[in-house]
Amino acid sequence: MATVGWRRLVPAAVFAAALFGAALTGPFAARAEDDPSFISLYAGGYDLIGNNAHPEGIFGAEFRFGYKLWIFKPFIGAFGTSRGSGYGYGGFLVDIYFGNRFVLTPSAAVGYFHQGGGKELGSNTEFRTGAEIAYRFDNRSRLGLSFYHISNAGITQQNPGEEQATIVYSIPFNLLK
């Protein structure tokens, strides 16, 4: 029987704990009622952890919708790496507010992965889980740090996964009009 490594359990546990916390902290989540949609731009490191890590640069963008389905907000995004890998994805996120300034945003997504010259992840279908912690400015723009894990969740025999850490700047969509 194969063992499940910590690299697979930690992102899922963080996401589950954040969702549980969001369900218990209705007043914190309620502060997002007036938040608009966002365009988020991020850059940082890709494939950063593990024995077979091959670090490379990453740059991406997301559109985070302003409306909610209960506490979940849909989002779509894409990134490219310095070795030509690419990933287009869509999923759901939750904004958990700590006061008026700090926002924890766990998210989960599924998407299409293109290997390019980067690491083979075992499948074109890949899942992304993780979280972002951000500071919210008066105009509602945000500056934060994120950490995500991408893997195919064992749908194929090869499932090395990868981790990424980025700096994120989110611009309220209404400021761009």
N, C-alpha and C. Protein backbone atom coordinates (compact mmCIF):
# COMPACT_ATOMS: atom_id res chain seq x y z
N MET A 1 0.84 -1.18 0.00
CA MET A 1 0.00 0.00 0.00
C MET A 1 0.89 1.24 0.00
N ALA A 2 0.60 2.17 -0.88
CA ALA A 2 1.38 3.39 -0.97
C ALA A 2 1.00 4.34 0.15
N THR A 3 1.97 5.05 0.67
CA THR A 3 1.68 6.02 1.72
C THR A 3 1.42 7.38 1.08
N VAL A 4 0.62 8.16 1.75
CA VAL A 4 0.32 9.51 1.29
C VAL A 4 1.31 10.46 1.94
N GLY A 5 2.06 11.19 1.15
CA GLY A 5 3.07 12.10 1.67
C GLY A 5 2.47 13.36 2.24
N TRP A 6 3.23 14.03 3.09
CA TRP A 6 2.77 15.27 3.72
C TRP A 6 2.49 16.34 2.68
N ARG A 7 3.19 16.30 1.54
CA ARG A 7 2.99 17.31 0.50
C ARG A 7 1.57 17.28 -0.03
N ARG A 8 0.91 16.15 0.03
CA ARG A 8 -0.47 16.05 -0.44
C ARG A 8 -1.46 16.39 0.65
N LEU A 9 -1.12 16.09 1.90
CA LEU A 9 -2.05 16.28 3.00
C LEU A 9 -2.11 17.72 3.49
N VAL A 10 -0.97 18.40 3.55
CA VAL A 10 -0.94 19.75 4.12
C VAL A 10 -1.84 20.73 3.37
N PRO A 11 -1.75 20.85 2.04
CA PRO A 11 -2.64 21.82 1.36
C PRO A 11 -4.12 21.49 1.56
N ALA A 12 -4.47 20.22 1.53
CA ALA A 12 -5.87 19.84 1.73
C ALA A 12 -6.32 20.16 3.14
N ALA A 13 -5.46 19.93 4.12
CA ALA A 13 -5.80 20.21 5.51
C ALA A 13 -5.95 21.72 5.74
N VAL A 14 -5.05 22.52 5.15
CA VAL A 14 -5.15 23.98 5.27
C VAL A 14 -6.45 24.48 4.66
N PHE A 15 -6.77 23.98 3.48
CA PHE A 15 -8.00 24.40 2.80
C PHE A 15 -9.23 24.01 3.62
N ALA A 16 -9.27 22.78 4.13
CA ALA A 16 -10.41 22.32 4.93
C ALA A 16 -10.56 23.15 6.20
N ALA A 17 -9.45 23.44 6.87
CA ALA A 17 -9.50 24.25 8.09
C ALA A 17 -9.99 25.67 7.79
N ALA A 18 -9.53 26.24 6.69
CA ALA A 18 -9.97 27.59 6.32
C ALA A 18 -11.45 27.62 5.99
N LEU A 19 -11.95 26.61 5.28
CA LEU A 19 -13.38 26.56 4.97
C LEU A 19 -14.21 26.40 6.24
N PHE A 20 -13.74 25.55 7.15
CA PHE A 20 -14.43 25.37 8.42
C PHE A 20 -14.45 26.68 9.20
N GLY A 21 -13.29 27.36 9.21
CA GLY A 21 -13.22 28.65 9.88
C GLY A 21 -14.14 29.68 9.26
N ALA A 22 -14.23 29.66 7.94
CA ALA A 22 -15.12 30.60 7.25
C ALA A 22 -16.57 30.34 7.61
N ALA A 23 -16.95 29.09 7.72
CA ALA A 23 -18.33 28.76 8.07
C ALA A 23 -18.66 29.21 9.48
N LEU A 24 -17.66 29.19 10.38
CA LEU A 24 -17.87 29.60 11.77
C LEU A 24 -17.78 31.11 11.97
N THR A 25 -17.19 31.80 11.02
CA THR A 25 -16.95 33.23 11.18
C THR A 25 -17.80 34.04 10.21
N GLY A 26 -19.08 33.81 10.22
CA GLY A 26 -20.00 34.52 9.34
C GLY A 26 -19.80 36.02 9.33
N PRO A 27 -19.64 36.67 10.50
CA PRO A 27 -19.44 38.12 10.51
C PRO A 27 -18.20 38.57 9.75
N PHE A 28 -17.12 37.78 9.82
CA PHE A 28 -15.91 38.14 9.09
C PHE A 28 -16.16 38.05 7.59
N ALA A 29 -16.80 36.97 7.16
CA ALA A 29 -17.07 36.79 5.73
C ALA A 29 -18.04 37.85 5.23
N ALA A 30 -18.92 38.33 6.10
CA ALA A 30 -19.93 39.31 5.69
C ALA A 30 -19.30 40.63 5.26
N ARG A 31 -18.11 40.94 5.69
CA ARG A 31 -17.46 42.19 5.30
C ARG A 31 -17.14 42.23 3.82
N ALA A 32 -17.17 41.11 3.18
CA ALA A 32 -16.87 41.05 1.74
C ALA A 32 -18.06 41.44 0.89
N GLU A 33 -19.22 41.68 1.50
CA GLU A 33 -20.44 41.95 0.74
C GLU A 33 -20.26 43.09 -0.26
N ASP A 34 -19.46 44.09 0.10
CA ASP A 34 -19.30 45.23 -0.80
C ASP A 34 -18.04 45.13 -1.65
N ASP A 35 -17.33 44.01 -1.58
CA ASP A 35 -16.13 43.87 -2.39
C ASP A 35 -16.50 43.65 -3.85
N PRO A 36 -15.78 44.31 -4.74
CA PRO A 36 -16.03 44.14 -6.18
C PRO A 36 -15.31 42.90 -6.72
N SER A 37 -15.40 42.71 -8.00
CA SER A 37 -14.57 41.71 -8.67
C SER A 37 -13.13 42.23 -8.67
N PHE A 38 -12.17 41.32 -8.81
CA PHE A 38 -10.75 41.70 -8.81
C PHE A 38 -10.04 41.11 -10.02
N ILE A 39 -9.03 41.84 -10.48
CA ILE A 39 -8.03 41.28 -11.37
C ILE A 39 -6.78 41.15 -10.51
N SER A 40 -6.28 39.92 -10.39
CA SER A 40 -5.11 39.66 -9.55
C SER A 40 -3.94 39.26 -10.44
N LEU A 41 -2.81 39.89 -10.20
CA LEU A 41 -1.57 39.58 -10.91
C LEU A 41 -0.57 39.03 -9.91
N TYR A 42 0.15 37.99 -10.30
CA TYR A 42 1.10 37.40 -9.36
C TYR A 42 2.37 36.94 -10.06
N ALA A 43 3.45 36.92 -9.28
CA ALA A 43 4.75 36.45 -9.77
C ALA A 43 5.52 35.86 -8.60
N GLY A 44 6.37 34.89 -8.91
CA GLY A 44 7.16 34.28 -7.85
C GLY A 44 7.89 33.05 -8.31
N GLY A 45 7.92 32.03 -7.43
CA GLY A 45 8.64 30.80 -7.70
C GLY A 45 7.71 29.63 -7.87
N TYR A 46 8.09 28.72 -8.78
CA TYR A 46 7.31 27.54 -9.14
C TYR A 46 8.17 26.30 -8.90
N ASP A 47 7.58 25.22 -8.41
CA ASP A 47 8.26 23.95 -8.13
C ASP A 47 9.40 24.17 -7.14
N LEU A 48 9.04 24.66 -5.95
CA LEU A 48 10.03 25.11 -4.98
C LEU A 48 10.46 24.09 -3.94
N ILE A 49 9.64 23.05 -3.67
CA ILE A 49 9.91 22.15 -2.55
C ILE A 49 10.01 20.71 -3.04
N GLY A 50 10.84 19.93 -2.37
CA GLY A 50 10.90 18.50 -2.64
C GLY A 50 12.24 18.07 -3.20
N ASN A 51 12.47 16.76 -3.16
CA ASN A 51 13.73 16.20 -3.63
C ASN A 51 13.93 16.39 -5.13
N ASN A 52 12.83 16.39 -5.88
CA ASN A 52 12.92 16.52 -7.34
C ASN A 52 12.52 17.91 -7.81
N ALA A 53 12.63 18.91 -6.96
CA ALA A 53 12.24 20.27 -7.32
C ALA A 53 13.21 20.85 -8.36
N HIS A 54 12.63 21.57 -9.31
CA HIS A 54 13.40 22.30 -10.32
C HIS A 54 12.85 23.72 -10.36
N PRO A 55 13.25 24.57 -9.41
CA PRO A 55 12.66 25.91 -9.30
C PRO A 55 12.74 26.70 -10.60
N GLU A 56 11.68 27.42 -10.86
CA GLU A 56 11.61 28.31 -12.02
C GLU A 56 10.68 29.46 -11.68
N GLY A 57 10.67 30.48 -12.52
CA GLY A 57 9.82 31.64 -12.31
C GLY A 57 8.39 31.37 -12.78
N ILE A 58 7.46 32.11 -12.21
CA ILE A 58 6.05 31.99 -12.58
C ILE A 58 5.44 33.39 -12.64
N PHE A 59 4.54 33.58 -13.61
CA PHE A 59 3.76 34.82 -13.69
C PHE A 59 2.35 34.44 -14.08
N GLY A 60 1.36 35.01 -13.40
CA GLY A 60 -0.02 34.65 -13.71
C GLY A 60 -1.01 35.77 -13.43
N ALA A 61 -2.24 35.52 -13.83
CA ALA A 61 -3.33 36.47 -13.63
C ALA A 61 -4.61 35.70 -13.34
N GLU A 62 -5.47 36.31 -12.54
CA GLU A 62 -6.77 35.73 -12.21
C GLU A 62 -7.84 36.80 -12.31
N PHE A 63 -9.05 36.36 -12.61
CA PHE A 63 -10.24 37.21 -12.47
C PHE A 63 -11.07 36.59 -11.37
N ARG A 64 -11.28 37.35 -10.30
CA ARG A 64 -12.04 36.90 -9.14
C ARG A 64 -13.38 37.62 -9.14
N PHE A 65 -14.43 36.85 -9.34
CA PHE A 65 -15.77 37.43 -9.44
C PHE A 65 -16.22 37.99 -8.10
N GLY A 66 -16.99 39.06 -8.13
CA GLY A 66 -17.45 39.72 -6.92
C GLY A 66 -18.66 39.07 -6.27
N TYR A 67 -19.41 38.28 -7.01
CA TYR A 67 -20.61 37.68 -6.43
C TYR A 67 -20.27 36.37 -5.71
N LYS A 68 -21.18 35.95 -4.83
CA LYS A 68 -20.96 34.75 -4.03
C LYS A 68 -22.03 33.70 -4.29
N LEU A 69 -21.62 32.46 -4.12
CA LEU A 69 -22.51 31.32 -4.05
C LEU A 69 -22.34 30.81 -2.62
N TRP A 70 -23.22 31.25 -1.73
CA TRP A 70 -23.12 31.07 -0.28
C TRP A 70 -21.90 31.83 0.19
N ILE A 71 -20.80 31.19 0.58
CA ILE A 71 -19.58 31.92 0.97
C ILE A 71 -18.50 31.83 -0.10
N PHE A 72 -18.77 31.10 -1.18
CA PHE A 72 -17.77 30.85 -2.21
C PHE A 72 -17.86 31.84 -3.36
N LYS A 73 -16.70 32.31 -3.81
CA LYS A 73 -16.63 33.17 -4.98
C LYS A 73 -15.91 32.41 -6.10
N PRO A 74 -16.47 32.42 -7.31
CA PRO A 74 -15.77 31.76 -8.42
C PRO A 74 -14.60 32.62 -8.92
N PHE A 75 -13.62 31.94 -9.52
CA PHE A 75 -12.50 32.65 -10.13
C PHE A 75 -11.95 31.81 -11.28
N ILE A 76 -11.28 32.49 -12.20
CA ILE A 76 -10.58 31.83 -13.31
C ILE A 76 -9.19 32.43 -13.40
N GLY A 77 -8.25 31.67 -13.93
CA GLY A 77 -6.90 32.19 -14.03
C GLY A 77 -6.02 31.38 -14.95
N ALA A 78 -4.82 31.87 -15.13
CA ALA A 78 -3.82 31.18 -15.94
C ALA A 78 -2.44 31.66 -15.51
N PHE A 79 -1.46 30.76 -15.67
CA PHE A 79 -0.07 31.17 -15.43
C PHE A 79 0.84 30.51 -16.44
N GLY A 80 2.02 31.09 -16.56
CA GLY A 80 3.09 30.52 -17.37
C GLY A 80 4.35 30.52 -16.54
N THR A 81 5.27 29.60 -16.86
CA THR A 81 6.53 29.53 -16.14
C THR A 81 7.69 29.89 -17.06
N SER A 82 8.84 30.09 -16.46
CA SER A 82 10.02 30.48 -17.23
C SER A 82 10.54 29.34 -18.11
N ARG A 83 10.02 28.13 -17.93
CA ARG A 83 10.40 27.01 -18.80
C ARG A 83 9.29 26.61 -19.76
N GLY A 84 8.30 27.46 -19.91
CA GLY A 84 7.27 27.23 -20.91
C GLY A 84 6.09 26.38 -20.48
N SER A 85 6.00 26.03 -19.21
CA SER A 85 4.81 25.32 -18.73
C SER A 85 3.67 26.33 -18.61
N GLY A 86 2.44 25.85 -18.71
CA GLY A 86 1.28 26.72 -18.57
C GLY A 86 0.13 25.99 -17.93
N TYR A 87 -0.75 26.74 -17.30
CA TYR A 87 -1.89 26.16 -16.59
C TYR A 87 -3.04 27.14 -16.64
N GLY A 88 -4.19 26.70 -17.15
CA GLY A 88 -5.42 27.47 -17.12
C GLY A 88 -6.36 26.78 -16.17
N TYR A 89 -7.05 27.53 -15.31
CA TYR A 89 -7.82 26.89 -14.25
C TYR A 89 -9.04 27.73 -13.85
N GLY A 90 -9.94 27.08 -13.13
CA GLY A 90 -11.11 27.74 -12.57
C GLY A 90 -11.50 27.04 -11.29
N GLY A 91 -12.07 27.79 -10.37
CA GLY A 91 -12.44 27.19 -9.10
C GLY A 91 -13.20 28.16 -8.22
N PHE A 92 -13.10 27.92 -6.92
CA PHE A 92 -13.81 28.72 -5.94
C PHE A 92 -12.85 29.14 -4.83
N LEU A 93 -13.11 30.32 -4.26
CA LEU A 93 -12.32 30.83 -3.15
C LEU A 93 -13.26 31.37 -2.08
N VAL A 94 -12.68 31.61 -0.91
CA VAL A 94 -13.41 32.19 0.21
C VAL A 94 -12.55 33.31 0.78
N ASP A 95 -13.13 34.49 0.98
CA ASP A 95 -12.42 35.58 1.63
C ASP A 95 -12.79 35.57 3.11
N ILE A 96 -11.79 35.42 3.97
CA ILE A 96 -11.98 35.44 5.42
C ILE A 96 -11.28 36.69 5.95
N TYR A 97 -12.06 37.59 6.52
CA TYR A 97 -11.53 38.88 6.96
C TYR A 97 -11.14 38.84 8.43
N PHE A 98 -9.99 39.43 8.71
CA PHE A 98 -9.51 39.63 10.07
C PHE A 98 -9.40 41.13 10.26
N GLY A 99 -10.46 41.73 10.81
CA GLY A 99 -10.55 43.18 10.87
C GLY A 99 -10.85 43.72 9.48
N ASN A 100 -10.52 44.98 9.25
CA ASN A 100 -10.78 45.59 7.95
C ASN A 100 -9.61 45.49 6.99
N ARG A 101 -8.45 45.04 7.45
CA ARG A 101 -7.25 45.11 6.63
C ARG A 101 -6.71 43.78 6.13
N PHE A 102 -6.85 42.72 6.89
CA PHE A 102 -6.23 41.46 6.51
C PHE A 102 -7.26 40.46 6.00
N VAL A 103 -6.91 39.79 4.90
CA VAL A 103 -7.81 38.85 4.25
C VAL A 103 -7.06 37.55 3.98
N LEU A 104 -7.60 36.44 4.49
CA LEU A 104 -7.10 35.11 4.18
C LEU A 104 -8.01 34.54 3.10
N THR A 105 -7.42 34.07 1.99
CA THR A 105 -8.22 33.58 0.87
C THR A 105 -7.77 32.17 0.48
N PRO A 106 -8.38 31.14 1.09
CA PRO A 106 -8.12 29.79 0.61
C PRO A 106 -8.88 29.56 -0.70
N SER A 107 -8.33 28.69 -1.55
CA SER A 107 -9.00 28.42 -2.82
C SER A 107 -8.69 27.02 -3.30
N ALA A 108 -9.55 26.54 -4.19
CA ALA A 108 -9.35 25.25 -4.85
C ALA A 108 -9.79 25.40 -6.30
N ALA A 109 -9.03 24.78 -7.21
CA ALA A 109 -9.34 24.90 -8.63
C ALA A 109 -8.93 23.63 -9.36
N VAL A 110 -9.47 23.48 -10.55
CA VAL A 110 -9.07 22.40 -11.45
C VAL A 110 -8.79 23.04 -12.80
N GLY A 111 -7.85 22.46 -13.55
CA GLY A 111 -7.54 23.06 -14.83
C GLY A 111 -6.72 22.18 -15.73
N TYR A 112 -6.32 22.77 -16.84
CA TYR A 112 -5.54 22.08 -17.88
C TYR A 112 -4.08 22.52 -17.77
N PHE A 113 -3.17 21.55 -17.68
CA PHE A 113 -1.74 21.81 -17.54
C PHE A 113 -1.01 21.43 -18.83
N HIS A 114 -0.13 22.32 -19.28
CA HIS A 114 0.75 22.05 -20.43
C HIS A 114 2.18 22.04 -19.90
N GLN A 115 2.89 20.94 -20.10
CA GLN A 115 4.22 20.76 -19.52
C GLN A 115 5.26 21.73 -20.08
N GLY A 116 5.24 22.00 -21.35
CA GLY A 116 6.29 22.83 -21.93
C GLY A 116 7.65 22.21 -21.64
N GLY A 117 8.63 23.03 -21.24
CA GLY A 117 9.95 22.53 -20.90
C GLY A 117 10.14 22.31 -19.42
N GLY A 118 9.04 22.37 -18.66
CA GLY A 118 9.13 22.24 -17.21
C GLY A 118 8.86 20.84 -16.71
N LYS A 119 8.57 20.73 -15.45
CA LYS A 119 8.37 19.46 -14.76
C LYS A 119 7.13 18.72 -15.26
N GLU A 120 7.27 17.41 -15.45
CA GLU A 120 6.15 16.54 -15.82
C GLU A 120 5.31 16.28 -14.55
N LEU A 121 4.03 16.64 -14.59
CA LEU A 121 3.17 16.45 -13.43
C LEU A 121 2.28 15.21 -13.53
N GLY A 122 2.40 14.46 -14.62
CA GLY A 122 1.71 13.19 -14.71
C GLY A 122 0.37 13.21 -15.41
N SER A 123 -0.18 14.40 -15.67
CA SER A 123 -1.50 14.49 -16.28
C SER A 123 -1.70 15.90 -16.84
N ASN A 124 -2.60 16.03 -17.79
CA ASN A 124 -2.99 17.38 -18.22
C ASN A 124 -4.03 17.96 -17.27
N THR A 125 -4.77 17.11 -16.57
CA THR A 125 -5.74 17.57 -15.58
C THR A 125 -5.03 17.67 -14.24
N GLU A 126 -5.00 18.89 -13.69
CA GLU A 126 -4.32 19.13 -12.42
C GLU A 126 -5.22 19.94 -11.50
N PHE A 127 -5.04 19.74 -10.20
CA PHE A 127 -5.82 20.43 -9.17
C PHE A 127 -4.89 21.36 -8.40
N ARG A 128 -5.40 22.53 -8.05
CA ARG A 128 -4.61 23.51 -7.31
C ARG A 128 -5.32 23.87 -6.02
N THR A 129 -4.65 23.74 -4.89
CA THR A 129 -5.20 24.14 -3.59
C THR A 129 -4.16 24.99 -2.87
N GLY A 130 -4.63 25.89 -2.05
CA GLY A 130 -3.73 26.72 -1.28
C GLY A 130 -4.43 27.93 -0.72
N ALA A 131 -3.63 28.93 -0.36
CA ALA A 131 -4.20 30.12 0.27
C ALA A 131 -3.31 31.34 0.03
N GLU A 132 -3.93 32.48 0.21
CA GLU A 132 -3.26 33.77 0.11
C GLU A 132 -3.58 34.56 1.37
N ILE A 133 -2.62 35.29 1.89
CA ILE A 133 -2.87 36.23 2.97
C ILE A 133 -2.51 37.61 2.43
N ALA A 134 -3.44 38.56 2.56
CA ALA A 134 -3.24 39.87 1.92
C ALA A 134 -3.62 41.00 2.85
N TYR A 135 -3.02 42.15 2.59
CA TYR A 135 -3.37 43.40 3.24
C TYR A 135 -4.30 44.16 2.31
N ARG A 136 -5.42 44.65 2.85
CA ARG A 136 -6.41 45.37 2.03
C ARG A 136 -6.26 46.87 2.27
N PHE A 137 -6.04 47.61 1.18
CA PHE A 137 -5.89 49.06 1.25
C PHE A 137 -7.26 49.74 1.25
N ASP A 138 -7.27 51.07 1.48
CA ASP A 138 -8.53 51.82 1.54
C ASP A 138 -9.35 51.71 0.26
N ASN A 139 -8.70 51.63 -0.90
CA ASN A 139 -9.42 51.53 -2.17
C ASN A 139 -9.80 50.07 -2.49
N ARG A 140 -9.61 49.18 -1.53
CA ARG A 140 -9.92 47.74 -1.59
C ARG A 140 -8.92 46.92 -2.40
N SER A 141 -7.89 47.56 -2.99
CA SER A 141 -6.84 46.76 -3.62
C SER A 141 -6.12 45.98 -2.52
N ARG A 142 -5.46 44.90 -2.92
CA ARG A 142 -4.81 44.02 -1.95
C ARG A 142 -3.39 43.68 -2.40
N LEU A 143 -2.51 43.54 -1.42
CA LEU A 143 -1.15 43.07 -1.66
C LEU A 143 -0.91 41.91 -0.72
N GLY A 144 -0.52 40.76 -1.28
CA GLY A 144 -0.39 39.59 -0.43
C GLY A 144 0.65 38.59 -0.88
N LEU A 145 0.74 37.53 -0.10
CA LEU A 145 1.61 36.40 -0.38
C LEU A 145 0.72 35.16 -0.52
N SER A 146 1.08 34.28 -1.44
CA SER A 146 0.29 33.06 -1.63
C SER A 146 1.19 31.85 -1.67
N PHE A 147 0.60 30.70 -1.33
CA PHE A 147 1.28 29.41 -1.41
C PHE A 147 0.27 28.41 -1.95
N TYR A 148 0.63 27.70 -3.03
CA TYR A 148 -0.27 26.74 -3.66
C TYR A 148 0.45 25.43 -3.95
N HIS A 149 -0.33 24.37 -3.97
CA HIS A 149 0.15 23.04 -4.36
C HIS A 149 -0.66 22.61 -5.58
N ILE A 150 0.02 22.08 -6.58
CA ILE A 150 -0.65 21.56 -7.77
C ILE A 150 -0.29 20.09 -7.91
N SER A 151 -1.31 19.26 -8.10
CA SER A 151 -1.08 17.84 -8.38
C SER A 151 -2.29 17.29 -9.12
N ASN A 152 -2.15 16.05 -9.61
CA ASN A 152 -3.29 15.44 -10.30
C ASN A 152 -4.13 14.60 -9.36
N ALA A 153 -3.87 14.68 -8.06
CA ALA A 153 -4.67 14.01 -7.02
C ALA A 153 -4.69 12.49 -7.20
N GLY A 154 -3.65 11.94 -7.82
CA GLY A 154 -3.56 10.50 -7.97
C GLY A 154 -4.41 9.90 -9.07
N ILE A 155 -4.88 10.72 -10.02
CA ILE A 155 -5.68 10.16 -11.12
C ILE A 155 -4.81 9.40 -12.11
N THR A 156 -3.49 9.58 -12.02
CA THR A 156 -2.55 8.77 -12.81
C THR A 156 -1.49 8.22 -11.86
N GLN A 157 -0.71 7.25 -12.32
CA GLN A 157 0.32 6.67 -11.45
C GLN A 157 1.42 7.67 -11.12
N GLN A 158 1.75 8.54 -12.06
CA GLN A 158 2.76 9.56 -11.80
C GLN A 158 2.07 10.80 -11.27
N ASN A 159 2.46 11.24 -10.05
CA ASN A 159 1.83 12.38 -9.42
C ASN A 159 2.84 13.11 -8.53
N PRO A 160 3.87 13.73 -9.12
CA PRO A 160 4.89 14.36 -8.29
C PRO A 160 4.42 15.65 -7.61
N GLY A 161 3.52 16.38 -8.21
CA GLY A 161 3.07 17.64 -7.65
C GLY A 161 4.15 18.70 -7.66
N GLU A 162 3.77 19.90 -7.30
CA GLU A 162 4.70 21.03 -7.19
C GLU A 162 4.10 22.08 -6.30
N GLU A 163 4.96 22.90 -5.71
CA GLU A 163 4.51 24.00 -4.85
C GLU A 163 5.01 25.31 -5.43
N GLN A 164 4.20 26.35 -5.20
CA GLN A 164 4.59 27.67 -5.68
C GLN A 164 4.29 28.72 -4.62
N ALA A 165 5.14 29.71 -4.55
CA ALA A 165 4.96 30.85 -3.65
C ALA A 165 5.05 32.11 -4.50
N THR A 166 4.09 33.01 -4.30
CA THR A 166 4.05 34.22 -5.13
C THR A 166 3.68 35.45 -4.33
N ILE A 167 3.98 36.59 -4.91
CA ILE A 167 3.48 37.89 -4.44
C ILE A 167 2.30 38.23 -5.33
N VAL A 168 1.20 38.67 -4.71
CA VAL A 168 -0.05 38.91 -5.44
C VAL A 168 -0.50 40.35 -5.24
N TYR A 169 -0.89 41.00 -6.32
CA TYR A 169 -1.52 42.32 -6.23
C TYR A 169 -2.89 42.21 -6.90
N SER A 170 -3.93 42.52 -6.13
CA SER A 170 -5.30 42.43 -6.63
C SER A 170 -5.89 43.83 -6.77
N ILE A 171 -6.36 44.11 -7.97
CA ILE A 171 -6.91 45.43 -8.30
C ILE A 171 -8.42 45.31 -8.43
N PRO A 172 -9.19 46.12 -7.68
CA PRO A 172 -10.64 46.07 -7.85
C PRO A 172 -11.00 46.39 -9.30
N PHE A 173 -11.86 45.58 -9.88
CA PHE A 173 -12.22 45.73 -11.28
C PHE A 173 -12.87 47.08 -11.55
N ASN A 174 -13.60 47.63 -10.57
CA ASN A 174 -14.26 48.93 -10.78
C ASN A 174 -13.26 50.08 -10.86
N LEU A 175 -12.02 49.90 -10.39
CA LEU A 175 -11.00 50.95 -10.52
C LEU A 175 -10.44 51.04 -11.94
N LEU A 176 -10.64 49.98 -12.72
CA LEU A 176 -10.11 49.93 -14.07
C LEU A 176 -11.05 50.55 -15.10
N LYS A 177 -12.27 50.84 -14.72
CA LYS A 177 -13.27 51.35 -15.66
C LYS A 177 -13.04 52.80 -16.01
